[in-house]
Amino acid sequence: MFLIRRKCTTSRDKLWKVASLLKQICSEYEEKGRSKATIYVSGWGTPSNDYSVSAEWTQEKLESNNFPNVPDKIRNKLSEELQNNIEKYEIEFHEVVTNEKLRGRGL
């Protein structure tokens, strides 16, 4: 299993707008079967080096997200709107540690 984190860095005045857009994007993917994402903001009411919005979700395996699989609402509207409101975009991939994986490594 993998944890994927999508982080969008923005400005203070656009933080909650970006949060709304990222939540809408994640909801579109969830309707297509992706696991539920957790959306959170940093820098508004919490100490942080930047103003950012992150989405995290888990997947059993890492796969390329082919363009035909991207929901229409994201392709036609939300993606462009998100890009117009952020300064930087990052995505992180983490392998989730499980007891089974540890045992498989003799730990």
Protein backbone atom coordinates (compact mmCIF):
# COMPACT_ATOMS: atom_id res chain seq x y z
CA MET A 1 0.00 0.00 0.00
CA PHE A 2 1.14 3.52 -0.76
CA LEU A 3 0.32 6.94 0.65
CA ILE A 4 0.25 9.74 -1.90
CA ARG A 5 0.45 13.37 -0.85
CA ARG A 6 -0.30 16.20 -3.24
CA LYS A 7 0.90 19.59 -1.94
CA CYS A 8 -0.06 22.93 -3.47
CA THR A 9 1.82 26.01 -2.28
CA THR A 10 -0.13 29.24 -2.59
CA SER A 11 -0.54 32.67 -0.99
CA ARG A 12 -2.43 33.44 2.21
CA ASP A 13 -5.32 35.09 0.37
CA LYS A 14 -5.83 32.05 -1.90
CA LEU A 15 -5.37 29.29 0.69
CA TRP A 16 -9.02 28.41 1.27
CA LYS A 17 -9.88 28.76 -2.44
CA VAL A 18 -7.17 26.20 -3.22
CA ALA A 19 -8.49 23.97 -0.43
CA SER A 20 -11.94 24.07 -2.01
CA LEU A 21 -10.57 23.25 -5.47
CA LEU A 22 -8.41 20.39 -4.21
CA LYS A 23 -11.37 18.96 -2.30
CA GLN A 24 -13.50 19.09 -5.45
CA ILE A 25 -10.76 17.39 -7.48
CA CYS A 26 -10.36 14.63 -4.90
CA SER A 27 -14.14 14.13 -4.77
CA GLU A 28 -14.22 13.62 -8.54
CA TYR A 29 -11.57 10.89 -8.26
CA GLU A 30 -13.34 9.32 -5.28
CA GLU A 31 -16.47 9.00 -7.41
CA LYS A 32 -14.33 6.96 -9.83
CA GLY A 33 -13.25 4.62 -7.02
CA ARG A 34 -10.14 6.19 -5.50
CA SER A 35 -9.92 6.04 -1.70
CA LYS A 36 -11.12 9.02 0.33
CA ALA A 37 -8.61 11.84 0.62
CA THR A 38 -7.86 13.97 3.64
CA ILE A 39 -7.42 17.66 2.77
CA TYR A 40 -5.57 20.00 5.11
CA VAL A 41 -4.13 23.51 5.14
CA SER A 42 -0.88 24.77 6.64
CA GLY A 43 0.18 28.29 7.47
CA TRP A 44 -3.21 29.84 8.19
CA GLY A 45 -3.70 28.96 11.83
CA THR A 46 -0.65 26.72 12.24
CA PRO A 47 3.08 27.41 12.20
CA SER A 48 4.50 26.73 8.74
CA ASN A 49 7.18 27.91 6.32
CA ASP A 50 4.56 28.47 3.63
CA TYR A 51 0.85 28.58 2.88
CA SER A 52 -0.09 25.24 1.45
CA VAL A 53 -2.94 22.83 0.92
CA SER A 54 -2.31 19.09 0.88
CA ALA A 55 -4.37 16.06 -0.03
CA GLU A 56 -3.44 12.56 1.14
CA TRP A 57 -4.92 9.23 0.12
CA THR A 58 -3.83 5.61 -0.08
CA GLN A 59 -3.62 3.26 -3.04
CA GLU A 60 -2.77 -0.44 -3.22
CA LYS A 61 -0.34 0.16 -6.10
CA LEU A 62 1.19 3.05 -7.98
CA GLU A 63 -0.15 3.51 -11.48
CA SER A 64 0.04 6.19 -14.12
CA ASN A 65 -3.08 8.34 -14.25
CA ASN A 66 -3.78 8.23 -17.99
CA PHE A 67 -5.49 11.29 -19.47
CA PRO A 68 -8.66 9.42 -20.56
CA ASN A 69 -9.15 8.38 -16.90
CA VAL A 70 -9.15 11.98 -15.64
CA PRO A 71 -12.74 13.05 -14.87
CA ASP A 72 -14.17 15.59 -17.35
CA LYS A 73 -14.80 18.24 -14.68
CA ILE A 74 -11.11 18.15 -13.73
CA ARG A 75 -9.86 18.24 -17.34
CA ASN A 76 -12.27 20.97 -18.44
CA LYS A 77 -12.30 23.29 -15.42
CA LEU A 78 -10.80 22.40 -12.05
CA SER A 79 -7.22 21.67 -13.13
CA GLU A 80 -6.79 25.02 -14.85
CA GLU A 81 -8.44 26.89 -12.00
CA LEU A 82 -6.16 25.16 -9.49
CA GLN A 83 -3.04 25.99 -11.54
CA ASN A 84 -4.10 29.65 -11.68
CA ASN A 85 -4.23 29.83 -7.87
CA ILE A 86 -1.01 28.08 -6.86
CA GLU A 87 2.68 28.92 -6.96
CA LYS A 88 4.08 25.41 -6.81
CA TYR A 89 2.83 21.85 -6.99
CA GLU A 90 4.52 18.76 -5.53
CA ILE A 91 3.54 15.14 -5.23
CA GLU A 92 5.09 12.64 -2.82
CA PHE A 93 4.86 8.86 -2.84
CA HIS A 94 5.40 6.85 0.35
CA GLU A 95 5.27 3.11 0.90
CA VAL A 96 3.17 2.27 3.96
CA VAL A 97 4.99 0.05 6.46
CA THR A 98 2.95 -2.99 7.50
CA ASN A 99 3.71 -5.93 9.78
CA GLU A 100 3.67 -8.20 6.73
CA LYS A 101 6.32 -6.11 4.96
CA LEU A 102 8.46 -6.04 8.10
CA ARG A 103 8.21 -9.82 8.50
CA GLY A 104 9.16 -10.23 4.84
CA ARG A 105 12.37 -8.38 5.65
CA GLY A 106 13.07 -10.45 8.74
CA LEU A 107 12.17 -7.61 11.14
